[in-house]
mmCIF file of all heavy atoms, coordinates in Angstrom:
data_MODEL
# 
_entry.id   MODEL 
# 
loop_
_atom_site.group_PDB 
_atom_site.id 
_atom_site.type_symbol 
_atom_site.label_atom_id 
_atom_site.label_alt_id 
_atom_site.label_comp_id 
_atom_site.label_asym_id 
_atom_site.label_entity_id 
_atom_site.label_seq_id 
_atom_site.pdbx_PDB_ins_code 
_atom_site.Cartn_x 
_atom_site.Cartn_y 
_atom_site.Cartn_z 
_atom_site.occupancy 
_atom_site.B_iso_or_equiv 
_atom_site.pdbx_formal_charge 
_atom_site.auth_seq_id 
_atom_site.auth_comp_id 
_atom_site.auth_asym_id 
_atom_site.auth_atom_id 
_atom_site.pdbx_PDB_model_num 
ATOM 1   N N   . ALA A 1 1  ? 10.654  12.246  -3.767 1.00 0.00 ? 1  ALA A N   1 
ATOM 2   C CA  . ALA A 1 1  ? 11.126  11.924  -2.412 1.00 0.00 ? 1  ALA A CA  1 
ATOM 3   C C   . ALA A 1 1  ? 11.195  10.414  -2.234 1.00 0.00 ? 1  ALA A C   1 
ATOM 4   O O   . ALA A 1 1  ? 12.166  9.889   -1.696 1.00 0.00 ? 1  ALA A O   1 
ATOM 5   C CB  . ALA A 1 1  ? 10.211  12.545  -1.367 1.00 0.00 ? 1  ALA A CB  1 
ATOM 6   N N   . HIS A 1 2  ? 10.179  9.702   -2.693 1.00 0.00 ? 2  HIS A N   1 
ATOM 7   C CA  . HIS A 1 2  ? 10.197  8.245   -2.571 1.00 0.00 ? 2  HIS A CA  1 
ATOM 8   C C   . HIS A 1 2  ? 11.322  7.658   -3.411 1.00 0.00 ? 2  HIS A C   1 
ATOM 9   O O   . HIS A 1 2  ? 11.984  6.718   -3.002 1.00 0.00 ? 2  HIS A O   1 
ATOM 10  C CB  . HIS A 1 2  ? 8.858   7.640   -3.010 1.00 0.00 ? 2  HIS A CB  1 
ATOM 11  C CG  . HIS A 1 2  ? 7.711   8.000   -2.115 1.00 0.00 ? 2  HIS A CG  1 
ATOM 12  N ND1 . HIS A 1 2  ? 6.423   8.028   -2.553 1.00 0.00 ? 2  HIS A ND1 1 
ATOM 13  C CD2 . HIS A 1 2  ? 7.669   8.365   -0.814 1.00 0.00 ? 2  HIS A CD2 1 
ATOM 14  C CE1 . HIS A 1 2  ? 5.627   8.385   -1.552 1.00 0.00 ? 2  HIS A CE1 1 
ATOM 15  N NE2 . HIS A 1 2  ? 6.365   8.600   -0.497 1.00 0.00 ? 2  HIS A NE2 1 
ATOM 16  N N   . ASP A 1 3  ? 11.524  8.203   -4.610 1.00 0.00 ? 3  ASP A N   1 
ATOM 17  C CA  . ASP A 1 3  ? 12.589  7.692   -5.473 1.00 0.00 ? 3  ASP A CA  1 
ATOM 18  C C   . ASP A 1 3  ? 13.966  7.857   -4.838 1.00 0.00 ? 3  ASP A C   1 
ATOM 19  O O   . ASP A 1 3  ? 14.801  6.972   -4.920 1.00 0.00 ? 3  ASP A O   1 
ATOM 20  C CB  . ASP A 1 3  ? 12.558  8.389   -6.837 1.00 0.00 ? 3  ASP A CB  1 
ATOM 21  C CG  . ASP A 1 3  ? 11.366  7.956   -7.680 1.00 0.00 ? 3  ASP A CG  1 
ATOM 22  O OD1 . ASP A 1 3  ? 10.760  6.910   -7.370 1.00 0.00 ? 3  ASP A OD1 1 
ATOM 23  O OD2 . ASP A 1 3  ? 11.043  8.668   -8.642 1.00 0.00 ? 3  ASP A OD2 1 
ATOM 24  N N   . ARG A 1 4  ? 14.219  8.979   -4.193 1.00 0.00 ? 4  ARG A N   1 
ATOM 25  C CA  . ARG A 1 4  ? 15.522  9.209   -3.555 1.00 0.00 ? 4  ARG A CA  1 
ATOM 26  C C   . ARG A 1 4  ? 15.761  8.225   -2.420 1.00 0.00 ? 4  ARG A C   1 
ATOM 27  O O   . ARG A 1 4  ? 16.881  7.845   -2.140 1.00 0.00 ? 4  ARG A O   1 
ATOM 28  C CB  . ARG A 1 4  ? 15.613  10.649  -3.043 1.00 0.00 ? 4  ARG A CB  1 
ATOM 29  C CG  . ARG A 1 4  ? 15.877  11.668  -4.126 1.00 0.00 ? 4  ARG A CG  1 
ATOM 30  C CD  . ARG A 1 4  ? 16.301  12.999  -3.532 1.00 0.00 ? 4  ARG A CD  1 
ATOM 31  N NE  . ARG A 1 4  ? 15.377  13.508  -2.538 1.00 0.00 ? 4  ARG A NE  1 
ATOM 32  C CZ  . ARG A 1 4  ? 14.287  14.228  -2.795 1.00 0.00 ? 4  ARG A CZ  1 
ATOM 33  N NH1 . ARG A 1 4  ? 13.956  14.514  -4.033 1.00 0.00 ? 4  ARG A NH1 1 
ATOM 34  N NH2 . ARG A 1 4  ? 13.532  14.671  -1.822 1.00 0.00 ? 4  ARG A NH2 1 
ATOM 35  N N   . LEU A 1 5  ? 14.692  7.821   -1.743 1.00 0.00 ? 5  LEU A N   1 
ATOM 36  C CA  . LEU A 1 5  ? 14.809  6.885   -0.625 1.00 0.00 ? 5  LEU A CA  1 
ATOM 37  C C   . LEU A 1 5  ? 14.790  5.435   -1.091 1.00 0.00 ? 5  LEU A C   1 
ATOM 38  O O   . LEU A 1 5  ? 14.984  4.534   -0.292 1.00 0.00 ? 5  LEU A O   1 
ATOM 39  C CB  . LEU A 1 5  ? 13.640  7.090   0.348  1.00 0.00 ? 5  LEU A CB  1 
ATOM 40  C CG  . LEU A 1 5  ? 13.564  8.426   1.059  1.00 0.00 ? 5  LEU A CG  1 
ATOM 41  C CD1 . LEU A 1 5  ? 12.236  8.561   1.784  1.00 0.00 ? 5  LEU A CD1 1 
ATOM 42  C CD2 . LEU A 1 5  ? 14.718  8.571   2.033  1.00 0.00 ? 5  LEU A CD2 1 
ATOM 43  N N   . ALA A 1 6  ? 14.522  5.207   -2.381 1.00 0.00 ? 6  ALA A N   1 
ATOM 44  C CA  . ALA A 1 6  ? 14.302  3.860   -2.913 1.00 0.00 ? 6  ALA A CA  1 
ATOM 45  C C   . ALA A 1 6  ? 13.196  3.181   -2.122 1.00 0.00 ? 6  ALA A C   1 
ATOM 46  O O   . ALA A 1 6  ? 13.259  2.003   -1.804 1.00 0.00 ? 6  ALA A O   1 
ATOM 47  C CB  . ALA A 1 6  ? 15.582  3.034   -2.921 1.00 0.00 ? 6  ALA A CB  1 
ATOM 48  N N   . ALA A 1 7  ? 12.179  3.966   -1.749 1.00 0.00 ? 7  ALA A N   1 
ATOM 49  C CA  . ALA A 1 7  ? 11.009  3.446   -1.043 1.00 0.00 ? 7  ALA A CA  1 
ATOM 50  C C   . ALA A 1 7  ? 9.821   3.509   -1.995 1.00 0.00 ? 7  ALA A C   1 
ATOM 51  O O   . ALA A 1 7  ? 9.634   4.507   -2.688 1.00 0.00 ? 7  ALA A O   1 
ATOM 52  C CB  . ALA A 1 7  ? 10.734  4.259   0.220  1.00 0.00 ? 7  ALA A CB  1 
ATOM 53  N N   . TYR A 1 8  ? 9.050   2.451   -2.011 1.00 0.00 ? 8  TYR A N   1 
ATOM 54  C CA  . TYR A 1 8  ? 7.984   2.306   -2.988 1.00 0.00 ? 8  TYR A CA  1 
ATOM 55  C C   . TYR A 1 8  ? 6.642   2.140   -2.287 1.00 0.00 ? 8  TYR A C   1 
ATOM 56  O O   . TYR A 1 8  ? 6.558   1.556   -1.206 1.00 0.00 ? 8  TYR A O   1 
ATOM 57  C CB  . TYR A 1 8  ? 8.269   1.095   -3.889 1.00 0.00 ? 8  TYR A CB  1 
ATOM 58  C CG  . TYR A 1 8  ? 9.597   1.232   -4.591 1.00 0.00 ? 8  TYR A CG  1 
ATOM 59  C CD1 . TYR A 1 8  ? 10.757  0.691   -4.040 1.00 0.00 ? 8  TYR A CD1 1 
ATOM 60  C CD2 . TYR A 1 8  ? 9.707   1.940   -5.783 1.00 0.00 ? 8  TYR A CD2 1 
ATOM 61  C CE1 . TYR A 1 8  ? 11.983  0.835   -4.663 1.00 0.00 ? 8  TYR A CE1 1 
ATOM 62  C CE2 . TYR A 1 8  ? 10.932  2.088   -6.422 1.00 0.00 ? 8  TYR A CE2 1 
ATOM 63  C CZ  . TYR A 1 8  ? 12.063  1.533   -5.854 1.00 0.00 ? 8  TYR A CZ  1 
ATOM 64  O OH  . TYR A 1 8  ? 13.284  1.688   -6.476 1.00 0.00 ? 8  TYR A OH  1 
ATOM 65  N N   . ILE A 1 9  ? 5.589   2.630   -2.912 1.00 0.00 ? 9  ILE A N   1 
ATOM 66  C CA  . ILE A 1 9  ? 4.254   2.589   -2.331 1.00 0.00 ? 9  ILE A CA  1 
ATOM 67  C C   . ILE A 1 9  ? 3.700   1.169   -2.396 1.00 0.00 ? 9  ILE A C   1 
ATOM 68  O O   . ILE A 1 9  ? 3.712   0.537   -3.451 1.00 0.00 ? 9  ILE A O   1 
ATOM 69  C CB  . ILE A 1 9  ? 3.320   3.562   -3.055 1.00 0.00 ? 9  ILE A CB  1 
ATOM 70  C CG1 . ILE A 1 9  ? 3.825   5.005   -2.904 1.00 0.00 ? 9  ILE A CG1 1 
ATOM 71  C CG2 . ILE A 1 9  ? 1.888   3.431   -2.526 1.00 0.00 ? 9  ILE A CG2 1 
ATOM 72  C CD1 . ILE A 1 9  ? 3.105   6.009   -3.791 1.00 0.00 ? 9  ILE A CD1 1 
ATOM 73  N N   . VAL A 1 10 ? 3.227   0.686   -1.265 1.00 0.00 ? 10 VAL A N   1 
ATOM 74  C CA  . VAL A 1 10 ? 2.561   -0.617  -1.185 1.00 0.00 ? 10 VAL A CA  1 
ATOM 75  C C   . VAL A 1 10 ? 1.051   -0.425  -1.289 1.00 0.00 ? 10 VAL A C   1 
ATOM 76  O O   . VAL A 1 10 ? 0.361   -1.161  -1.991 1.00 0.00 ? 10 VAL A O   1 
ATOM 77  C CB  . VAL A 1 10 ? 2.910   -1.338  0.136  1.00 0.00 ? 10 VAL A CB  1 
ATOM 78  C CG1 . VAL A 1 10 ? 2.101   -2.621  0.292  1.00 0.00 ? 10 VAL A CG1 1 
ATOM 79  C CG2 . VAL A 1 10 ? 4.397   -1.624  0.213  1.00 0.00 ? 10 VAL A CG2 1 
ATOM 80  N N   . ALA A 1 11 ? 0.527   0.569   -0.591 1.00 0.00 ? 11 ALA A N   1 
ATOM 81  C CA  . ALA A 1 11 ? -0.909  0.848   -0.602 1.00 0.00 ? 11 ALA A CA  1 
ATOM 82  C C   . ALA A 1 11 ? -1.132  2.280   -0.142 1.00 0.00 ? 11 ALA A C   1 
ATOM 83  O O   . ALA A 1 11 ? -0.297  2.853   0.560  1.00 0.00 ? 11 ALA A O   1 
ATOM 84  C CB  . ALA A 1 11 ? -1.654  -0.119  0.306  1.00 0.00 ? 11 ALA A CB  1 
ATOM 85  N N   . THR A 1 12 ? -2.262  2.829   -0.551 1.00 0.00 ? 12 THR A N   1 
ATOM 86  C CA  . THR A 1 12 ? -2.657  4.174   -0.130 1.00 0.00 ? 12 THR A CA  1 
ATOM 87  C C   . THR A 1 12 ? -4.117  4.129   0.324  1.00 0.00 ? 12 THR A C   1 
ATOM 88  O O   . THR A 1 12 ? -4.798  3.111   0.180  1.00 0.00 ? 12 THR A O   1 
ATOM 89  C CB  . THR A 1 12 ? -2.531  5.197   -1.281 1.00 0.00 ? 12 THR A CB  1 
ATOM 90  O OG1 . THR A 1 12 ? -3.545  4.909   -2.260 1.00 0.00 ? 12 THR A OG1 1 
ATOM 91  C CG2 . THR A 1 12 ? -1.150  5.167   -1.918 1.00 0.00 ? 12 THR A CG2 1 
ATOM 92  N N   . ASP A 1 13 ? -4.577  5.240   0.825  1.00 0.00 ? 13 ASP A N   1 
ATOM 93  C CA  . ASP A 1 13 ? -5.978  5.321   1.222  1.00 0.00 ? 13 ASP A CA  1 
ATOM 94  C C   . ASP A 1 13 ? -6.919  5.045   0.050  1.00 0.00 ? 13 ASP A C   1 
ATOM 95  O O   . ASP A 1 13 ? -8.094  4.737   0.263  1.00 0.00 ? 13 ASP A O   1 
ATOM 96  C CB  . ASP A 1 13 ? -6.287  6.688   1.839  1.00 0.00 ? 13 ASP A CB  1 
ATOM 97  C CG  . ASP A 1 13 ? -5.821  6.798   3.288  1.00 0.00 ? 13 ASP A CG  1 
ATOM 98  O OD1 . ASP A 1 13 ? -5.516  5.762   3.902  1.00 0.00 ? 13 ASP A OD1 1 
ATOM 99  O OD2 . ASP A 1 13 ? -5.774  7.930   3.798  1.00 0.00 ? 13 ASP A OD2 1 
ATOM 100 N N   . SER A 1 14 ? -6.422  5.121   -1.176 1.00 0.00 ? 14 SER A N   1 
ATOM 101 C CA  . SER A 1 14 ? -7.245  4.794   -2.349 1.00 0.00 ? 14 SER A CA  1 
ATOM 102 C C   . SER A 1 14 ? -7.700  3.337   -2.341 1.00 0.00 ? 14 SER A C   1 
ATOM 103 O O   . SER A 1 14 ? -8.711  2.992   -2.955 1.00 0.00 ? 14 SER A O   1 
ATOM 104 C CB  . SER A 1 14 ? -6.484  5.059   -3.654 1.00 0.00 ? 14 SER A CB  1 
ATOM 105 O OG  . SER A 1 14 ? -6.206  6.419   -3.788 1.00 0.00 ? 14 SER A OG  1 
ATOM 106 N N   . GLN A 1 15 ? -6.957  2.465   -1.667 1.00 0.00 ? 15 GLN A N   1 
ATOM 107 C CA  . GLN A 1 15 ? -7.310  1.044   -1.609 1.00 0.00 ? 15 GLN A CA  1 
ATOM 108 C C   . GLN A 1 15 ? -8.170  0.703   -0.389 1.00 0.00 ? 15 GLN A C   1 
ATOM 109 O O   . GLN A 1 15 ? -8.475  -0.466  -0.158 1.00 0.00 ? 15 GLN A O   1 
ATOM 110 C CB  . GLN A 1 15 ? -6.038  0.168   -1.592 1.00 0.00 ? 15 GLN A CB  1 
ATOM 111 C CG  . GLN A 1 15 ? -5.347  0.056   -2.926 1.00 0.00 ? 15 GLN A CG  1 
ATOM 112 C CD  . GLN A 1 15 ? -4.608  1.312   -3.307 1.00 0.00 ? 15 GLN A CD  1 
ATOM 113 O OE1 . GLN A 1 15 ? -3.864  1.862   -2.523 1.00 0.00 ? 15 GLN A OE1 1 
ATOM 114 N NE2 . GLN A 1 15 ? -4.843  1.783   -4.517 1.00 0.00 ? 15 GLN A NE2 1 
ATOM 115 N N   . LEU A 1 16 ? -8.583  1.702   0.368  1.00 0.00 ? 16 LEU A N   1 
ATOM 116 C CA  . LEU A 1 16 ? -9.331  1.475   1.608  1.00 0.00 ? 16 LEU A CA  1 
ATOM 117 C C   . LEU A 1 16 ? -10.526 0.542   1.395  1.00 0.00 ? 16 LEU A C   1 
ATOM 118 O O   . LEU A 1 16 ? -10.758 -0.367  2.189  1.00 0.00 ? 16 LEU A O   1 
ATOM 119 C CB  . LEU A 1 16 ? -9.806  2.817   2.177  1.00 0.00 ? 16 LEU A CB  1 
ATOM 120 C CG  . LEU A 1 16 ? -10.440 2.776   3.558  1.00 0.00 ? 16 LEU A CG  1 
ATOM 121 C CD1 . LEU A 1 16 ? -9.383  2.553   4.627  1.00 0.00 ? 16 LEU A CD1 1 
ATOM 122 C CD2 . LEU A 1 16 ? -11.181 4.073   3.825  1.00 0.00 ? 16 LEU A CD2 1 
ATOM 123 N N   . ASP A 1 17 ? -11.275 0.751   0.315  1.00 0.00 ? 17 ASP A N   1 
ATOM 124 C CA  . ASP A 1 17 ? -12.473 -0.060  0.062  1.00 0.00 ? 17 ASP A CA  1 
ATOM 125 C C   . ASP A 1 17 ? -12.146 -1.448  -0.477 1.00 0.00 ? 17 ASP A C   1 
ATOM 126 O O   . ASP A 1 17 ? -13.041 -2.279  -0.619 1.00 0.00 ? 17 ASP A O   1 
ATOM 127 C CB  . ASP A 1 17 ? -13.406 0.652   -0.927 1.00 0.00 ? 17 ASP A CB  1 
ATOM 128 C CG  . ASP A 1 17 ? -13.998 1.920   -0.340 1.00 0.00 ? 17 ASP A CG  1 
ATOM 129 O OD1 . ASP A 1 17 ? -14.047 2.042   0.892  1.00 0.00 ? 17 ASP A OD1 1 
ATOM 130 O OD2 . ASP A 1 17 ? -14.412 2.793   -1.128 1.00 0.00 ? 17 ASP A OD2 1 
ATOM 131 N N   . GLU A 1 18 ? -10.879 -1.692  -0.801 1.00 0.00 ? 18 GLU A N   1 
ATOM 132 C CA  . GLU A 1 18 ? -10.509 -2.972  -1.405 1.00 0.00 ? 18 GLU A CA  1 
ATOM 133 C C   . GLU A 1 18 ? -9.781  -3.907  -0.447 1.00 0.00 ? 18 GLU A C   1 
ATOM 134 O O   . GLU A 1 18 ? -9.450  -5.026  -0.816 1.00 0.00 ? 18 GLU A O   1 
ATOM 135 C CB  . GLU A 1 18 ? -9.651  -2.734  -2.648 1.00 0.00 ? 18 GLU A CB  1 
ATOM 136 C CG  . GLU A 1 18 ? -10.420 -1.996  -3.729 1.00 0.00 ? 18 GLU A CG  1 
ATOM 137 C CD  . GLU A 1 18 ? -9.707  -2.016  -5.050 1.00 0.00 ? 18 GLU A CD  1 
ATOM 138 O OE1 . GLU A 1 18 ? -8.950  -2.970  -5.306 1.00 0.00 ? 18 GLU A OE1 1 
ATOM 139 O OE2 . GLU A 1 18 ? -9.912  -1.084  -5.825 1.00 0.00 ? 18 GLU A OE2 1 
ATOM 140 N N   . VAL A 1 19 ? -9.530  -3.431  0.763  1.00 0.00 ? 19 VAL A N   1 
ATOM 141 C CA  . VAL A 1 19 ? -8.898  -4.295  1.765  1.00 0.00 ? 19 VAL A CA  1 
ATOM 142 C C   . VAL A 1 19 ? -9.844  -4.477  2.935  1.00 0.00 ? 19 VAL A C   1 
ATOM 143 O O   . VAL A 1 19 ? -10.647 -3.604  3.254  1.00 0.00 ? 19 VAL A O   1 
ATOM 144 C CB  . VAL A 1 19 ? -7.532  -3.736  2.256  1.00 0.00 ? 19 VAL A CB  1 
ATOM 145 C CG1 . VAL A 1 19 ? -6.523  -3.675  1.121  1.00 0.00 ? 19 VAL A CG1 1 
ATOM 146 C CG2 . VAL A 1 19 ? -7.677  -2.401  2.924  1.00 0.00 ? 19 VAL A CG2 1 
ATOM 147 N N   . LYS A 1 20 ? -9.772  -5.645  3.540  1.00 0.00 ? 20 LYS A N   1 
ATOM 148 C CA  . LYS A 1 20 ? -10.602 -5.942  4.703  1.00 0.00 ? 20 LYS A CA  1 
ATOM 149 C C   . LYS A 1 20 ? -10.080 -5.162  5.907  1.00 0.00 ? 20 LYS A C   1 
ATOM 150 O O   . LYS A 1 20 ? -8.868  -4.960  6.039  1.00 0.00 ? 20 LYS A O   1 
ATOM 151 C CB  . LYS A 1 20 ? -10.552 -7.436  5.015  1.00 0.00 ? 20 LYS A CB  1 
ATOM 152 C CG  . LYS A 1 20 ? -11.108 -8.318  3.936  1.00 0.00 ? 20 LYS A CG  1 
ATOM 153 C CD  . LYS A 1 20 ? -10.885 -9.781  4.289  1.00 0.00 ? 20 LYS A CD  1 
ATOM 154 C CE  . LYS A 1 20 ? -11.286 -10.666 3.138  1.00 0.00 ? 20 LYS A CE  1 
ATOM 155 N NZ  . LYS A 1 20 ? -10.809 -12.044 3.321  1.00 0.00 ? 20 LYS A NZ  1 
ATOM 156 N N   . LYS A 1 21 ? -10.973 -4.763  6.769  1.00 0.00 ? 21 LYS A N   1 
ATOM 157 C CA  . LYS A 1 21 ? -10.566 -4.051  7.987  1.00 0.00 ? 21 LYS A CA  1 
ATOM 158 C C   . LYS A 1 21 ? -9.560  -4.881  8.770  1.00 0.00 ? 21 LYS A C   1 
ATOM 159 O O   . LYS A 1 21 ? -8.558  -4.373  9.268  1.00 0.00 ? 21 LYS A O   1 
ATOM 160 C CB  . LYS A 1 21 ? -11.784 -3.727  8.842  1.00 0.00 ? 21 LYS A CB  1 
ATOM 161 C CG  . LYS A 1 21 ? -11.461 -2.876  10.041 1.00 0.00 ? 21 LYS A CG  1 
ATOM 162 C CD  . LYS A 1 21 ? -12.708 -2.464  10.801 1.00 0.00 ? 21 LYS A CD  1 
ATOM 163 C CE  . LYS A 1 21 ? -12.319 -1.554  11.947 1.00 0.00 ? 21 LYS A CE  1 
ATOM 164 N NZ  . LYS A 1 21 ? -13.487 -1.185  12.755 1.00 0.00 ? 21 LYS A NZ  1 
ATOM 165 N N   . SER A 1 22 ? -9.802  -6.194  8.836  1.00 0.00 ? 22 SER A N   1 
ATOM 166 C CA  . SER A 1 22 ? -8.925  -7.088  9.590  1.00 0.00 ? 22 SER A CA  1 
ATOM 167 C C   . SER A 1 22 ? -7.621  -7.396  8.851  1.00 0.00 ? 22 SER A C   1 
ATOM 168 O O   . SER A 1 22 ? -6.692  -7.936  9.432  1.00 0.00 ? 22 SER A O   1 
ATOM 169 C CB  . SER A 1 22 ? -9.646  -8.396  9.887  1.00 0.00 ? 22 SER A CB  1 
ATOM 170 O OG  . SER A 1 22 ? -10.027 -9.024  8.672  1.00 0.00 ? 22 SER A OG  1 
ATOM 171 N N   . GLY A 1 23 ? -7.566  -7.058  7.573  1.00 0.00 ? 23 GLY A N   1 
ATOM 172 C CA  . GLY A 1 23 ? -6.336  -7.248  6.802  1.00 0.00 ? 23 GLY A CA  1 
ATOM 173 C C   . GLY A 1 23 ? -6.532  -8.082  5.554  1.00 0.00 ? 23 GLY A C   1 
ATOM 174 O O   . GLY A 1 23 ? -7.262  -9.079  5.578  1.00 0.00 ? 23 GLY A O   1 
ATOM 175 N N   . SER A 1 24 ? -5.893  -7.661  4.489  1.00 0.00 ? 24 SER A N   1 
ATOM 176 C CA  . SER A 1 24 ? -5.877  -8.393  3.221  1.00 0.00 ? 24 SER A CA  1 
ATOM 177 C C   . SER A 1 24 ? -4.437  -8.580  2.784  1.00 0.00 ? 24 SER A C   1 
ATOM 178 O O   . SER A 1 24 ? -3.604  -7.692  2.989  1.00 0.00 ? 24 SER A O   1 
ATOM 179 C CB  . SER A 1 24 ? -6.626  -7.607  2.132  1.00 0.00 ? 24 SER A CB  1 
ATOM 180 O OG  . SER A 1 24 ? -8.000  -7.537  2.434  1.00 0.00 ? 24 SER A OG  1 
ATOM 181 N N   . PRO A 1 25 ? -4.132  -9.721  2.180  1.00 0.00 ? 25 PRO A N   1 
ATOM 182 C CA  . PRO A 1 25 ? -2.759  -9.963  1.725  1.00 0.00 ? 25 PRO A CA  1 
ATOM 183 C C   . PRO A 1 25 ? -2.469  -9.221  0.416  1.00 0.00 ? 25 PRO A C   1 
ATOM 184 O O   . PRO A 1 25 ? -3.241  -9.294  -0.537 1.00 0.00 ? 25 PRO A O   1 
ATOM 185 C CB  . PRO A 1 25 ? -2.719  -11.482 1.523  1.00 0.00 ? 25 PRO A CB  1 
ATOM 186 C CG  . PRO A 1 25 ? -4.133  -11.850 1.191  1.00 0.00 ? 25 PRO A CG  1 
ATOM 187 C CD  . PRO A 1 25 ? -5.007  -10.885 1.943  1.00 0.00 ? 25 PRO A CD  1 
ATOM 188 N N   . LEU A 1 26 ? -1.360  -8.502  0.401  1.00 0.00 ? 26 LEU A N   1 
ATOM 189 C CA  . LEU A 1 26 ? -0.885  -7.814  -0.800 1.00 0.00 ? 26 LEU A CA  1 
ATOM 190 C C   . LEU A 1 26 ? 0.517   -8.309  -1.120 1.00 0.00 ? 26 LEU A C   1 
ATOM 191 O O   . LEU A 1 26 ? 1.323   -8.502  -0.211 1.00 0.00 ? 26 LEU A O   1 
ATOM 192 C CB  . LEU A 1 26 ? -0.846  -6.301  -0.600 1.00 0.00 ? 26 LEU A CB  1 
ATOM 193 C CG  . LEU A 1 26 ? -2.144  -5.593  -0.203 1.00 0.00 ? 26 LEU A CG  1 
ATOM 194 C CD1 . LEU A 1 26 ? -1.907  -4.088  -0.121 1.00 0.00 ? 26 LEU A CD1 1 
ATOM 195 C CD2 . LEU A 1 26 ? -3.266  -5.900  -1.175 1.00 0.00 ? 26 LEU A CD2 1 
ATOM 196 N N   . ARG A 1 27 ? 0.813   -8.513  -2.391 1.00 0.00 ? 27 ARG A N   1 
ATOM 197 C CA  . ARG A 1 27 ? 2.143   -8.955  -2.807 1.00 0.00 ? 27 ARG A CA  1 
ATOM 198 C C   . ARG A 1 27 ? 2.798   -7.872  -3.648 1.00 0.00 ? 27 ARG A C   1 
ATOM 199 O O   . ARG A 1 27 ? 2.301   -7.486  -4.698 1.00 0.00 ? 27 ARG A O   1 
ATOM 200 C CB  . ARG A 1 27 ? 2.069   -10.256 -3.593 1.00 0.00 ? 27 ARG A CB  1 
ATOM 201 C CG  . ARG A 1 27 ? 3.466   -10.702 -4.092 1.00 0.00 ? 27 ARG A CG  1 
ATOM 202 C CD  . ARG A 1 27 ? 3.468   -12.132 -4.556 1.00 0.00 ? 27 ARG A CD  1 
ATOM 203 N NE  . ARG A 1 27 ? 3.215   -12.990 -3.398 1.00 0.00 ? 27 ARG A NE  1 
ATOM 204 C CZ  . ARG A 1 27 ? 2.587   -14.164 -3.468 1.00 0.00 ? 27 ARG A CZ  1 
ATOM 205 N NH1 . ARG A 1 27 ? 2.158   -14.631 -4.612 1.00 0.00 ? 27 ARG A NH1 1 
ATOM 206 N NH2 . ARG A 1 27 ? 2.405   -14.877 -2.366 1.00 0.00 ? 27 ARG A NH2 1 
ATOM 207 N N   . PHE A 1 28 ? 3.946   -7.400  -3.183 1.00 0.00 ? 28 PHE A N   1 
ATOM 208 C CA  . PHE A 1 28 ? 4.766   -6.413  -3.888 1.00 0.00 ? 28 PHE A CA  1 
ATOM 209 C C   . PHE A 1 28 ? 5.704   -7.187  -4.812 1.00 0.00 ? 28 PHE A C   1 
ATOM 210 O O   . PHE A 1 28 ? 6.393   -8.105  -4.372 1.00 0.00 ? 28 PHE A O   1 
ATOM 211 C CB  . PHE A 1 28 ? 5.568   -5.618  -2.856 1.00 0.00 ? 28 PHE A CB  1 
ATOM 212 C CG  . PHE A 1 28 ? 6.484   -4.584  -3.422 1.00 0.00 ? 28 PHE A CG  1 
ATOM 213 C CD1 . PHE A 1 28 ? 6.108   -3.253  -3.467 1.00 0.00 ? 28 PHE A CD1 1 
ATOM 214 C CD2 . PHE A 1 28 ? 7.749   -4.929  -3.899 1.00 0.00 ? 28 PHE A CD2 1 
ATOM 215 C CE1 . PHE A 1 28 ? 6.966   -2.290  -3.980 1.00 0.00 ? 28 PHE A CE1 1 
ATOM 216 C CE2 . PHE A 1 28 ? 8.600   -3.979  -4.412 1.00 0.00 ? 28 PHE A CE2 1 
ATOM 217 C CZ  . PHE A 1 28 ? 8.207   -2.650  -4.455 1.00 0.00 ? 28 PHE A CZ  1 
# 
């Protein structure tokens, strides 16, 4: 489904412990 939309995952709940509650910078 993501491939058909050409939409790509930036983050999932799997990264919850690796980002700050207030926000962490991620680079795609």
